[in-house]
Amino acid sequence: MANATIGLPPTHPVSEPPSSRPPHRAAASTGGRPADRRGLFERLVEFLSPGPDSTDELMATLADAEQRELIAPESRVMLEGVLRMADMTAGDVMVAAPRMDMLDIDAPYEELLATVIETGHSRFPVHEGQRDNVIGILMAKDLLKLQRSPDLSLRTLLRPAVFVPESKGLNELLRDFRANRNHLAIVIDEFGNTAGLITIEDVLEEIVGEIEDEFDDAATAAENGIYTLADGSHRVAGDTDISAVNQVFGTALAEDAFDTIGGLIAHELGRVPRRGEAAEAGGLRFQVMLTRGGAVRWFRVDRQPVAPADGRD
């Protein structure tokens, strides 16, 4: 009887203690298969496989997707802008130092106000002594505080200036702008000198294209693109017909070679002009106020003073 009570161990496997780790939901939903831990970008690349091997091929793929109405034209433009921006730096987009609109910390209030009104910016780098010595950023709206309290020091209204190297990538710069809630940065070269400035609008326009501003008010648009300013000068759209310029200013600019005044001025300079640059034609001085997408949007136009006669016959 003693031998009868000693049996062999059971043949079925002994259960392991339950794991303290909860079952993976993804594995349960896929029938026990391992979860897909790839990122969205990796899955997108696999979906397009065999995908493009270069940026140019990717651009062509986006163009084809637009042709097949898989993406909207606006989406394609933005995607191409993102791709181009990945290879661009602050030095590629900045406004060069000689063309920067700046304020002098020692300038009288009337001079500061005149500069703000003339240029129409909302933020200005402020320098002390040489233009290279940027000591802060002034918000145009803060000038109202000086008007109410003339004894207030301009220095107390300055906000810290942000400095970035020319080599800083636009992707990283846009991240910094968003994180720091800053809209303007001073660009410096490898020697620490001021090379220019760049705004968040400059960066965003590389993605979304032209951003409408106060110059694009359709309610006040003139039919010929020519506006008279309070000081007697004029604001002329870059795509204004040369014939319209001749009619308004009484000039005789050639109308056969170019259709628009922007094309004529670009030809005179030998390249697309940049903001702040000026050229003379037909007794008029054309200064670039605003550029967008590689073209001039607005010129400030003044008549050149007539040279006095020397009294000789």
C-alpha atoms as a PDB file:
ATOM      1  CA  MET A   1       0.000   0.000   0.000  1.00  0.00           C
ATOM      2  CA  ALA A   2       2.902   2.273   0.649  1.00  0.00           C
ATOM      3  CA  ASN A   3       4.104   1.864  -2.908  1.00  0.00           C
ATOM      4  CA  ALA A   4       0.651   2.633  -4.215  1.00  0.00           C
ATOM      5  CA  THR A   5       0.692   6.054  -2.605  1.00  0.00           C
ATOM      6  CA  ILE A   6       3.914   7.090  -4.345  1.00  0.00           C
ATOM      7  CA  GLY A   7       3.006   8.064  -7.900  1.00  0.00           C
ATOM      8  CA  LEU A   8       4.904   9.700 -10.755  1.00  0.00           C
ATOM      9  CA  PRO A   9       4.852  13.460 -11.052  1.00  0.00           C
ATOM     10  CA  PRO A  10       2.014  14.841 -13.137  1.00  0.00           C
ATOM     11  CA  THR A  11       2.707  15.027 -16.859  1.00  0.00           C
ATOM     12  CA  HIS A  12       1.105  18.444 -17.446  1.00  0.00           C
ATOM     13  CA  PRO A  13       3.473  21.471 -17.159  1.00  0.00           C
ATOM     14  CA  VAL A  14       3.559  23.407 -13.976  1.00  0.00           C
ATOM     15  CA  SER A  15       2.144  26.950 -14.402  1.00  0.00           C
ATOM     16  CA  GLU A  16       4.621  29.815 -14.077  1.00  0.00           C
ATOM     17  CA  PRO A  17       3.852  32.569 -11.636  1.00  0.00           C
ATOM     18  CA  PRO A  18       1.939  35.413 -13.269  1.00  0.00           C
ATOM     19  CA  SER A  19       4.067  38.276 -14.567  1.00  0.00           C
ATOM     20  CA  SER A  20       3.838  41.612 -12.824  1.00  0.00           C
ATOM     21  CA  ARG A  21       3.978  43.377 -16.207  1.00  0.00           C
ATOM     22  CA  PRO A  22       0.543  43.959 -17.813  1.00  0.00           C
ATOM     23  CA  PRO A  23      -0.052  42.402 -21.228  1.00  0.00           C
ATOM     24  CA  HIS A  24       0.799  44.649 -24.177  1.00  0.00           C
ATOM     25  CA  ARG A  25      -2.368  45.954 -25.749  1.00  0.00           C
ATOM     26  CA  ALA A  26      -0.865  46.137 -29.214  1.00  0.00           C
ATOM     27  CA  ALA A  27       0.115  42.457 -29.067  1.00  0.00           C
ATOM     28  CA  ALA A  28      -3.425  41.457 -28.120  1.00  0.00           C
ATOM     29  CA  SER A  29      -4.931  43.494 -30.931  1.00  0.00           C
ATOM     30  CA  THR A  30      -2.579  41.988 -33.521  1.00  0.00           C
ATOM     31  CA  GLY A  31      -3.125  38.342 -32.548  1.00  0.00           C
ATOM     32  CA  GLY A  32       0.018  38.066 -30.469  1.00  0.00           C
ATOM     33  CA  ARG A  33       2.342  39.706 -32.981  1.00  0.00           C
ATOM     34  CA  PRO A  34       4.904  42.197 -31.628  1.00  0.00           C
ATOM     35  CA  ALA A  35       3.794  45.812 -31.598  1.00  0.00           C
ATOM     36  CA  ASP A  36       4.951  48.119 -34.386  1.00  0.00           C
ATOM     37  CA  ARG A  37       7.378  50.427 -32.653  1.00  0.00           C
ATOM     38  CA  ARG A  38       8.390  52.355 -35.776  1.00  0.00           C
ATOM     39  CA  GLY A  39       7.837  56.066 -35.913  1.00  0.00           C
ATOM     40  CA  LEU A  40       5.397  57.766 -38.252  1.00  0.00           C
ATOM     41  CA  PHE A  41       8.219  58.946 -40.511  1.00  0.00           C
ATOM     42  CA  GLU A  42       9.646  55.420 -40.876  1.00  0.00           C
ATOM     43  CA  ARG A  43       6.230  54.018 -41.725  1.00  0.00           C
ATOM     44  CA  LEU A  44       5.670  56.816 -44.229  1.00  0.00           C
ATOM     45  CA  VAL A  45       9.004  56.076 -45.902  1.00  0.00           C
ATOM     46  CA  GLU A  46       8.116  52.384 -46.106  1.00  0.00           C
ATOM     47  CA  PHE A  47       4.730  53.275 -47.574  1.00  0.00           C
ATOM     48  CA  LEU A  48       6.393  55.253 -50.338  1.00  0.00           C
ATOM     49  CA  SER A  49       9.044  52.587 -50.906  1.00  0.00           C
ATOM     50  CA  PRO A  50      10.834  52.430 -53.181  1.00  0.00           C
ATOM     51  CA  GLY A  51      10.828  56.112 -52.369  1.00  0.00           C
ATOM     52  CA  PRO A  52      12.876  59.011 -53.660  1.00  0.00           C
ATOM     53  CA  ASP A  53      16.609  58.972 -53.016  1.00  0.00           C
ATOM     54  CA  SER A  54      17.139  62.742 -53.125  1.00  0.00           C
ATOM     55  CA  THR A  55      15.385  66.010 -52.363  1.00  0.00           C
ATOM     56  CA  ASP A  56      14.818  66.628 -56.064  1.00  0.00           C
ATOM     57  CA  GLU A  57      13.109  63.266 -56.439  1.00  0.00           C
ATOM     58  CA  LEU A  58      10.974  63.995 -53.382  1.00  0.00           C
ATOM     59  CA  MET A  59       9.956  67.325 -54.916  1.00  0.00           C
ATOM     60  CA  ALA A  60       8.963  65.482 -58.077  1.00  0.00           C
ATOM     61  CA  THR A  61       6.968  63.009 -56.000  1.00  0.00           C
ATOM     62  CA  LEU A  62       5.080  65.859 -54.343  1.00  0.00           C
ATOM     63  CA  ALA A  63       4.378  67.420 -57.733  1.00  0.00           C
ATOM     64  CA  ASP A  64       3.037  64.086 -58.960  1.00  0.00           C
ATOM     65  CA  ALA A  65       0.857  63.766 -55.857  1.00  0.00           C
ATOM     66  CA  GLU A  66      -0.596  67.187 -56.599  1.00  0.00           C
ATOM     67  CA  GLN A  67      -1.254  66.221 -60.226  1.00  0.00           C
ATOM     68  CA  ARG A  68      -3.163  63.167 -59.019  1.00  0.00           C
ATOM     69  CA  GLU A  69      -5.049  65.364 -56.545  1.00  0.00           C
ATOM     70  CA  LEU A  70      -3.712  63.454 -53.542  1.00  0.00           C
ATOM     71  CA  ILE A  71      -2.612  66.712 -51.922  1.00  0.00           C
ATOM     72  CA  ALA A  72      -3.749  70.282 -52.404  1.00  0.00           C
ATOM     73  CA  PRO A  73      -1.493  72.785 -54.201  1.00  0.00           C
ATOM     74  CA  GLU A  74      -1.133  74.797 -50.984  1.00  0.00           C
ATOM     75  CA  SER A  75       0.021  71.683 -49.135  1.00  0.00           C
ATOM     76  CA  ARG A  76       2.627  70.936 -51.765  1.00  0.00           C
ATOM     77  CA  VAL A  77       3.997  74.490 -51.552  1.00  0.00           C
ATOM     78  CA  MET A  78       4.310  74.233 -47.779  1.00  0.00           C
ATOM     79  CA  LEU A  79       5.957  70.812 -47.904  1.00  0.00           C
ATOM     80  CA  GLU A  80       8.459  72.036 -50.463  1.00  0.00           C
ATOM     81  CA  GLY A  81       9.130  75.059 -48.272  1.00  0.00           C
ATOM     82  CA  VAL A  82       9.877  72.799 -45.306  1.00  0.00           C
ATOM     83  CA  LEU A  83      12.287  70.741 -47.407  1.00  0.00           C
ATOM     84  CA  ARG A  84      14.107  73.816 -48.684  1.00  0.00           C
ATOM     85  CA  MET A  85      14.252  75.370 -45.241  1.00  0.00           C
ATOM     86  CA  ALA A  86      16.055  72.323 -43.859  1.00  0.00           C
ATOM     87  CA  ASP A  87      19.172  73.358 -45.786  1.00  0.00           C
ATOM     88  CA  MET A  88      18.950  77.099 -45.088  1.00  0.00           C
ATOM     89  CA  THR A  89      20.621  79.176 -42.403  1.00  0.00           C
ATOM     90  CA  ALA A  90      19.966  82.546 -40.790  1.00  0.00           C
ATOM     91  CA  GLY A  91      22.560  84.082 -43.101  1.00  0.00           C
ATOM     92  CA  ASP A  92      20.505  83.053 -46.143  1.00  0.00           C
ATOM     93  CA  VAL A  93      17.370  84.917 -45.054  1.00  0.00           C
ATOM     94  CA  MET A  94      18.579  87.799 -42.882  1.00  0.00           C
ATOM     95  CA  VAL A  95      18.380  91.495 -43.698  1.00  0.00           C
ATOM     96  CA  ALA A  96      22.002  92.583 -44.057  1.00  0.00           C
ATOM     97  CA  ALA A  97      23.376  95.057 -41.512  1.00  0.00           C
ATOM     98  CA  PRO A  98      23.660  98.055 -43.898  1.00  0.00           C
ATOM     99  CA  ARG A  99      19.938  97.786 -44.648  1.00  0.00           C
ATOM    100  CA  MET A 100      18.773  97.380 -41.058  1.00  0.00           C
ATOM    101  CA  ASP A 101      16.426 100.060 -39.710  1.00  0.00           C
ATOM    102  CA  MET A 102      17.886 100.935 -36.319  1.00  0.00           C
ATOM    103  CA  LEU A 103      17.373 103.511 -33.584  1.00  0.00           C
ATOM    104  CA  ASP A 104      20.073 105.470 -31.794  1.00  0.00           C
ATOM    105  CA  ILE A 105      19.729 105.416 -28.024  1.00  0.00           C
ATOM    106  CA  ASP A 106      20.844 109.064 -27.879  1.00  0.00           C
ATOM    107  CA  ALA A 107      18.471 110.326 -30.599  1.00  0.00           C
ATOM    108  CA  PRO A 108      15.726 112.781 -29.564  1.00  0.00           C
ATOM    109  CA  TYR A 109      12.170 111.532 -29.268  1.00  0.00           C
ATOM    110  CA  GLU A 110      11.007 113.340 -32.429  1.00  0.00           C
ATOM    111  CA  GLU A 111      13.688 111.608 -34.503  1.00  0.00           C
ATOM    112  CA  LEU A 112      12.814 108.197 -33.075  1.00  0.00           C
ATOM    113  CA  LEU A 113       9.127 108.714 -33.782  1.00  0.00           C
ATOM    114  CA  ALA A 114       9.817 109.841 -37.354  1.00  0.00           C
ATOM    115  CA  THR A 115      11.851 106.690 -38.028  1.00  0.00           C
ATOM    116  CA  VAL A 116       9.148 104.450 -36.587  1.00  0.00           C
ATOM    117  CA  ILE A 117       6.434 106.106 -38.688  1.00  0.00           C
ATOM    118  CA  GLU A 118       8.491 106.070 -41.880  1.00  0.00           C
ATOM    119  CA  THR A 119       9.550 102.423 -41.706  1.00  0.00           C
ATOM    120  CA  GLY A 120       6.403 100.954 -40.176  1.00  0.00           C
ATOM    121  CA  HIS A 121       8.149  98.199 -38.195  1.00  0.00           C
ATOM    122  CA  SER A 122       6.953  97.009 -34.798  1.00  0.00           C
ATOM    123  CA  ARG A 123      10.412  96.206 -33.391  1.00  0.00           C
ATOM    124  CA  PHE A 124      13.720  98.029 -33.743  1.00  0.00           C
ATOM    125  CA  PRO A 125      17.293  97.172 -32.751  1.00  0.00           C
ATOM    126  CA  VAL A 126      18.740 100.012 -30.673  1.00  0.00           C
ATOM    127  CA  HIS A 127      22.443 100.833 -30.856  1.00  0.00           C
ATOM    128  CA  GLU A 128      24.732 103.004 -28.797  1.00  0.00           C
ATOM    129  CA  GLY A 129      27.580 104.656 -30.645  1.00  0.00           C
ATOM    130  CA  GLN A 130      28.462 102.437 -33.598  1.00  0.00           C
ATOM    131  CA  ARG A 131      25.693 100.482 -35.316  1.00  0.00           C
ATOM    132  CA  ASP A 132      27.495  97.265 -34.407  1.00  0.00           C
ATOM    133  CA  ASN A 133      26.863  97.931 -30.733  1.00  0.00           C
ATOM    134  CA  VAL A 134      23.277  96.681 -30.362  1.00  0.00           C
ATOM    135  CA  ILE A 135      22.150  97.146 -26.772  1.00  0.00           C
ATOM    136  CA  GLY A 136      18.525  96.027 -26.980  1.00  0.00           C
ATOM    137  CA  ILE A 137      15.229  95.910 -28.860  1.00  0.00           C
ATOM    138  CA  LEU A 138      12.560  98.610 -28.687  1.00  0.00           C
ATOM    139  CA  MET A 139       8.890  97.890 -29.314  1.00  0.00           C
ATOM    140  CA  ALA A 140       7.327 100.706 -31.335  1.00  0.00           C
ATOM    141  CA  LYS A 141       4.319 100.804 -29.015  1.00  0.00           C
ATOM    142  CA  ASP A 142       6.609 101.554 -26.070  1.00  0.00           C
ATOM    143  CA  LEU A 143       7.306 105.001 -27.529  1.00  0.00           C
ATOM    144  CA  LEU A 144       3.864 105.979 -26.273  1.00  0.00           C
ATOM    145  CA  LYS A 145       5.212 105.638 -22.746  1.00  0.00           C
ATOM    146  CA  LEU A 146       7.867 108.229 -23.537  1.00  0.00           C
ATOM    147  CA  GLN A 147       5.214 110.592 -24.821  1.00  0.00           C
ATOM    148  CA  ARG A 148       3.228 110.294 -21.595  1.00  0.00           C
ATOM    149  CA  SER A 149       6.337 110.454 -19.369  1.00  0.00           C
ATOM    150  CA  PRO A 150       9.085 112.499 -21.081  1.00  0.00           C
ATOM    151  CA  ASP A 151      11.381 112.028 -18.097  1.00  0.00           C
ATOM    152  CA  LEU A 152      11.335 108.260 -18.568  1.00  0.00           C
ATOM    153  CA  SER A 153      14.639 106.835 -19.797  1.00  0.00           C
ATOM    154  CA  LEU A 154      14.569 105.025 -23.118  1.00  0.00           C
ATOM    155  CA  ARG A 155      16.944 102.424 -21.700  1.00  0.00           C
ATOM    156  CA  THR A 156      14.296 101.221 -19.276  1.00  0.00           C
ATOM    157  CA  LEU A 157      12.025 100.376 -22.226  1.00  0.00           C
ATOM    158  CA  LEU A 158      14.555  98.201 -24.042  1.00  0.00           C
ATOM    159  CA  ARG A 159      14.098  94.467 -24.194  1.00  0.00           C
ATOM    160  CA  PRO A 160      17.049  92.055 -24.341  1.00  0.00           C
ATOM    161  CA  ALA A 161      18.417  91.395 -27.810  1.00  0.00           C
ATOM    162  CA  VAL A 162      18.797  87.801 -28.970  1.00  0.00           C
ATOM    163  CA  PHE A 163      21.970  87.034 -30.939  1.00  0.00           C
ATOM    164  CA  VAL A 164      22.355  84.072 -33.300  1.00  0.00           C
ATOM    165  CA  PRO A 165      25.221  83.028 -35.616  1.00  0.00           C
ATOM    166  CA  GLU A 166      24.891  83.198 -39.384  1.00  0.00           C
ATOM    167  CA  SER A 167      25.248  79.419 -39.537  1.00  0.00           C
ATOM    168  CA  LYS A 168      22.204  78.717 -37.337  1.00  0.00           C
ATOM    169  CA  GLY A 169      19.714  76.534 -39.204  1.00  0.00           C
ATOM    170  CA  LEU A 170      16.241  77.929 -39.850  1.00  0.00           C
ATOM    171  CA  ASN A 171      14.607  74.836 -38.343  1.00  0.00           C
ATOM    172  CA  GLU A 172      16.413  75.373 -35.056  1.00  0.00           C
ATOM    173  CA  LEU A 173      15.861  79.115 -35.177  1.00  0.00           C
ATOM    174  CA  LEU A 174      12.108  78.679 -35.627  1.00  0.00           C
ATOM    175  CA  ARG A 175      12.077  76.344 -32.639  1.00  0.00           C
ATOM    176  CA  ASP A 176      13.861  78.977 -30.558  1.00  0.00           C
ATOM    177  CA  PHE A 177      11.475  81.724 -31.689  1.00  0.00           C
ATOM    178  CA  ARG A 178       8.493  79.649 -30.586  1.00  0.00           C
ATOM    179  CA  ALA A 179      10.022  78.498 -27.305  1.00  0.00           C
ATOM    180  CA  ASN A 180      11.209  81.964 -26.249  1.00  0.00           C
ATOM    181  CA  ARG A 181       8.238  83.881 -27.678  1.00  0.00           C
ATOM    182  CA  ASN A 182      10.703  86.097 -29.492  1.00  0.00           C
ATOM    183  CA  HIS A 183      10.127  87.554 -32.958  1.00  0.00           C
ATOM    184  CA  LEU A 184      13.475  89.099 -33.858  1.00  0.00           C
ATOM    185  CA  ALA A 185      17.119  88.089 -33.571  1.00  0.00           C
ATOM    186  CA  ILE A 186      20.385  89.850 -34.386  1.00  0.00           C
ATOM    187  CA  VAL A 187      22.621  87.778 -36.653  1.00  0.00           C
ATOM    188  CA  ILE A 188      26.360  87.921 -35.961  1.00  0.00           C
ATOM    189  CA  ASP A 189      29.259  86.743 -38.098  1.00  0.00           C
ATOM    190  CA  GLU A 190      32.176  84.565 -37.073  1.00  0.00           C
ATOM    191  CA  PHE A 191      34.013  87.578 -35.625  1.00  0.00           C
ATOM    192  CA  GLY A 192      31.101  88.634 -33.433  1.00  0.00           C
ATOM    193  CA  ASN A 193      30.143  91.611 -35.590  1.00  0.00           C
ATOM    194  CA  THR A 194      26.538  92.396 -36.490  1.00  0.00           C
ATOM    195  CA  ALA A 195      25.793  90.781 -39.849  1.00  0.00           C
ATOM    196  CA  GLY A 196      22.065  91.497 -40.019  1.00  0.00           C
ATOM    197  CA  LEU A 197      18.739  90.682 -38.438  1.00  0.00           C
ATOM    198  CA  ILE A 198      16.080  88.055 -38.964  1.00  0.00           C
ATOM    199  CA  THR A 199      12.453  87.888 -37.868  1.00  0.00           C
ATOM    200  CA  ILE A 200      10.050  85.025 -37.320  1.00  0.00           C
ATOM    201  CA  GLU A 201       8.105  86.304 -40.331  1.00  0.00           C
ATOM    202  CA  ASP A 202      11.179  85.865 -42.531  1.00  0.00           C
ATOM    203  CA  VAL A 203      11.446  82.222 -41.429  1.00  0.00           C
ATOM    204  CA  LEU A 204       7.755  81.408 -41.773  1.00  0.00           C
ATOM    205  CA  GLU A 205       7.592  82.866 -45.255  1.00  0.00           C
ATOM    206  CA  GLU A 206      10.102  80.247 -46.394  1.00  0.00           C
ATOM    207  CA  ILE A 207       7.363  77.712 -45.591  1.00  0.00           C
ATOM    208  CA  VAL A 208       4.031  79.359 -46.267  1.00  0.00           C
ATOM    209  CA  GLY A 209       5.059  82.005 -48.773  1.00  0.00           C
ATOM    210  CA  GLU A 210       4.065  85.628 -48.560  1.00  0.00           C
ATOM    211  CA  ILE A 211       2.396  86.772 -45.356  1.00  0.00           C
ATOM    212  CA  GLU A 212      -0.036  89.619 -45.814  1.00  0.00           C
ATOM    213  CA  ASP A 213       0.719  92.751 -43.817  1.00  0.00           C
ATOM    214  CA  GLU A 214      -0.423  96.331 -43.451  1.00  0.00           C
ATOM    215  CA  PHE A 215       0.746  97.128 -46.977  1.00  0.00           C
ATOM    216  CA  ASP A 216      -1.732  94.601 -48.386  1.00  0.00           C
ATOM    217  CA  ASP A 217      -4.948  96.244 -47.218  1.00  0.00           C
ATOM    218  CA  ALA A 218      -7.339  95.581 -50.075  1.00  0.00           C
ATOM    219  CA  ALA A 219      -9.702  98.264 -48.861  1.00  0.00           C
ATOM    220  CA  THR A 220      -7.181 101.006 -49.660  1.00  0.00           C
ATOM    221  CA  ALA A 221      -5.673  99.479 -52.779  1.00  0.00           C
ATOM    222  CA  ALA A 222      -5.163 101.832 -55.675  1.00  0.00           C
ATOM    223  CA  GLU A 223      -6.027 100.580 -59.122  1.00  0.00           C
ATOM    224  CA  ASN A 224      -2.616 101.466 -60.538  1.00  0.00           C
ATOM    225  CA  GLY A 225      -0.616 100.391 -57.461  1.00  0.00           C
ATOM    226  CA  ILE A 226       0.642 103.934 -56.766  1.00  0.00           C
ATOM    227  CA  TYR A 227      -0.104 105.681 -53.457  1.00  0.00           C
ATOM    228  CA  THR A 228       0.731 109.190 -52.295  1.00  0.00           C
ATOM    229  CA  LEU A 229       2.229 109.337 -48.791  1.00  0.00           C
ATOM    230  CA  ALA A 230       1.833 112.113 -46.255  1.00  0.00           C
ATOM    231  CA  ASP A 231       5.336 113.518 -46.863  1.00  0.00           C
ATOM    232  CA  GLY A 232       4.753 113.885 -50.612  1.00  0.00           C
ATOM    233  CA  SER A 233       6.638 110.758 -51.641  1.00  0.00           C
ATOM    234  CA  HIS A 234       4.920 107.746 -53.189  1.00  0.00           C
ATOM    235  CA  ARG A 235       4.566 104.035 -52.520  1.00  0.00           C
ATOM    236  CA  VAL A 236       4.598 102.036 -55.738  1.00  0.00           C
ATOM    237  CA  ALA A 237       3.886  98.318 -56.070  1.00  0.00           C
ATOM    238  CA  GLY A 238       6.632  96.297 -57.737  1.00  0.00           C
ATOM    239  CA  ASP A 239       4.203  94.856 -60.286  1.00  0.00           C
ATOM    240  CA  THR A 240       2.925  98.266 -61.370  1.00  0.00           C
ATOM    241  CA  ASP A 241       2.958  98.770 -65.138  1.00  0.00           C
ATOM    242  CA  ILE A 242       5.699 101.093 -66.340  1.00  0.00           C
ATOM    243  CA  SER A 243       3.091 102.937 -68.379  1.00  0.00           C
ATOM    244  CA  ALA A 244       1.262 103.796 -65.131  1.00  0.00           C
ATOM    245  CA  VAL A 245       4.472 105.132 -63.594  1.00  0.00           C
ATOM    246  CA  ASN A 246       5.114 107.285 -66.664  1.00  0.00           C
ATOM    247  CA  GLN A 247       1.577 108.641 -66.535  1.00  0.00           C
ATOM    248  CA  VAL A 248       1.654 109.545 -62.827  1.00  0.00           C
ATOM    249  CA  PHE A 249       5.187 110.940 -62.666  1.00  0.00           C
ATOM    250  CA  GLY A 250       5.429 112.358 -66.190  1.00  0.00           C
ATOM    251  CA  THR A 251       8.506 110.269 -66.963  1.00  0.00           C
ATOM    252  CA  ALA A 252       9.555 108.518 -70.151  1.00  0.00           C
ATOM    253  CA  LEU A 253      10.760 105.138 -68.903  1.00  0.00           C
ATOM    254  CA  ALA A 254      11.089 102.528 -71.631  1.00  0.00           C
ATOM    255  CA  GLU A 255       7.936 100.429 -71.872  1.00  0.00           C
ATOM    256  CA  ASP A 256       9.040  97.994 -74.563  1.00  0.00           C
ATOM    257  CA  ALA A 257      11.707  95.973 -72.707  1.00  0.00           C
ATOM    258  CA  PHE A 258       9.870  95.427 -69.395  1.00  0.00           C
ATOM    259  CA  ASP A 259       6.251  95.347 -68.301  1.00  0.00           C
ATOM    260  CA  THR A 260       6.623  96.221 -64.608  1.00  0.00           C
ATOM    261  CA  ILE A 261       8.652  98.736 -62.664  1.00  0.00           C
ATOM    262  CA  GLY A 262      10.082  95.912 -60.537  1.00  0.00           C
ATOM    263  CA  GLY A 263      11.528  94.257 -63.625  1.00  0.00           C
ATOM    264  CA  LEU A 264      13.053  97.525 -64.810  1.00  0.00           C
ATOM    265  CA  ILE A 265      14.743  98.267 -61.467  1.00  0.00           C
ATOM    266  CA  ALA A 266      16.037  94.704 -61.210  1.00  0.00           C
ATOM    267  CA  HIS A 267      17.585  95.157 -64.653  1.00  0.00           C
ATOM    268  CA  GLU A 268      19.188  98.444 -63.606  1.00  0.00           C
ATOM    269  CA  LEU A 269      20.820  96.780 -60.577  1.00  0.00           C
ATOM    270  CA  GLY A 270      21.691  93.579 -62.425  1.00  0.00           C
ATOM    271  CA  ARG A 271      19.835  91.436 -59.839  1.00  0.00           C
ATOM    272  CA  VAL A 272      16.734  91.343 -57.703  1.00  0.00           C
ATOM    273  CA  PRO A 273      17.054  94.285 -55.274  1.00  0.00           C
ATOM    274  CA  ARG A 274      16.885  93.747 -51.535  1.00  0.00           C
ATOM    275  CA  ARG A 275      15.078  95.701 -48.863  1.00  0.00           C
ATOM    276  CA  GLY A 276      16.673  99.091 -48.275  1.00  0.00           C
ATOM    277  CA  GLU A 277      18.503  99.214 -51.609  1.00  0.00           C
ATOM    278  CA  ALA A 278      17.805 102.050 -54.008  1.00  0.00           C
ATOM    279  CA  ALA A 279      18.199 102.780 -57.707  1.00  0.00           C
ATOM    280  CA  GLU A 280      17.577 105.811 -59.885  1.00  0.00           C
ATOM    281  CA  ALA A 281      15.681 105.869 -63.158  1.00  0.00           C
ATOM    282  CA  GLY A 282      13.968 108.632 -65.106  1.00  0.00           C
ATOM    283  CA  GLY A 283      14.733 111.260 -62.480  1.00  0.00           C
ATOM    284  CA  LEU A 284      13.135 109.134 -59.749  1.00  0.00           C
ATOM    285  CA  ARG A 285      14.712 107.366 -56.805  1.00  0.00           C
ATOM    286  CA  PHE A 286      13.264 103.899 -56.124  1.00  0.00           C
ATOM    287  CA  GLN A 287      13.999 102.535 -52.638  1.00  0.00           C
ATOM    288  CA  VAL A 288      12.880  99.004 -51.807  1.00  0.00           C
ATOM    289  CA  MET A 289      10.455  98.966 -48.860  1.00  0.00           C
ATOM    290  CA  LEU A 290       9.364  95.330 -48.953  1.00  0.00           C
ATOM    291  CA  THR A 291      10.339  92.139 -50.770  1.00  0.00           C
ATOM    292  CA  ARG A 292       8.505  88.850 -50.926  1.00  0.00           C
ATOM    293  CA  GLY A 293       9.359  85.581 -52.651  1.00  0.00           C
ATOM    294  CA  GLY A 294      12.370  86.957 -54.528  1.00  0.00           C
ATOM    295  CA  ALA A 295      10.504  89.982 -55.899  1.00  0.00           C
ATOM    296  CA  VAL A 296       9.930  93.582 -54.824  1.00  0.00           C
ATOM    297  CA  ARG A 297       6.492  94.214 -53.381  1.00  0.00           C
ATOM    298  CA  TRP A 298       6.796  97.942 -52.645  1.00  0.00           C
ATOM    299  CA  PHE A 299       9.058 100.832 -53.624  1.00  0.00           C
ATOM    300  CA  ARG A 300       9.278 104.211 -51.973  1.00  0.00           C
ATOM    301  CA  VAL A 301       9.602 106.688 -54.834  1.00  0.00           C
ATOM    302  CA  ASP A 302      10.937 110.248 -54.568  1.00  0.00           C
ATOM    303  CA  ARG A 303      11.746 112.736 -57.264  1.00  0.00           C
ATOM    304  CA  GLN A 304      15.417 113.536 -57.606  1.00  0.00           C
ATOM    305  CA  PRO A 305      16.241 117.212 -56.938  1.00  0.00           C
ATOM    306  CA  VAL A 306      16.944 119.202 -60.083  1.00  0.00           C
ATOM    307  CA  ALA A 307      20.544 120.395 -60.271  1.00  0.00           C
ATOM    308  CA  PRO A 308      20.756 124.211 -60.185  1.00  0.00           C
ATOM    309  CA  ALA A 309      21.783 125.962 -63.369  1.00  0.00           C
ATOM    310  CA  ASP A 310      25.366 127.247 -63.429  1.00  0.00           C
ATOM    311  CA  GLY A 311      24.438 130.521 -65.157  1.00  0.00           C
ATOM    312  CA  ARG A 312      26.340 129.799 -68.350  1.00  0.00           C
ATOM    313  CA  ASP A 313      24.708 129.965 -71.778  1.00  0.00           C
END
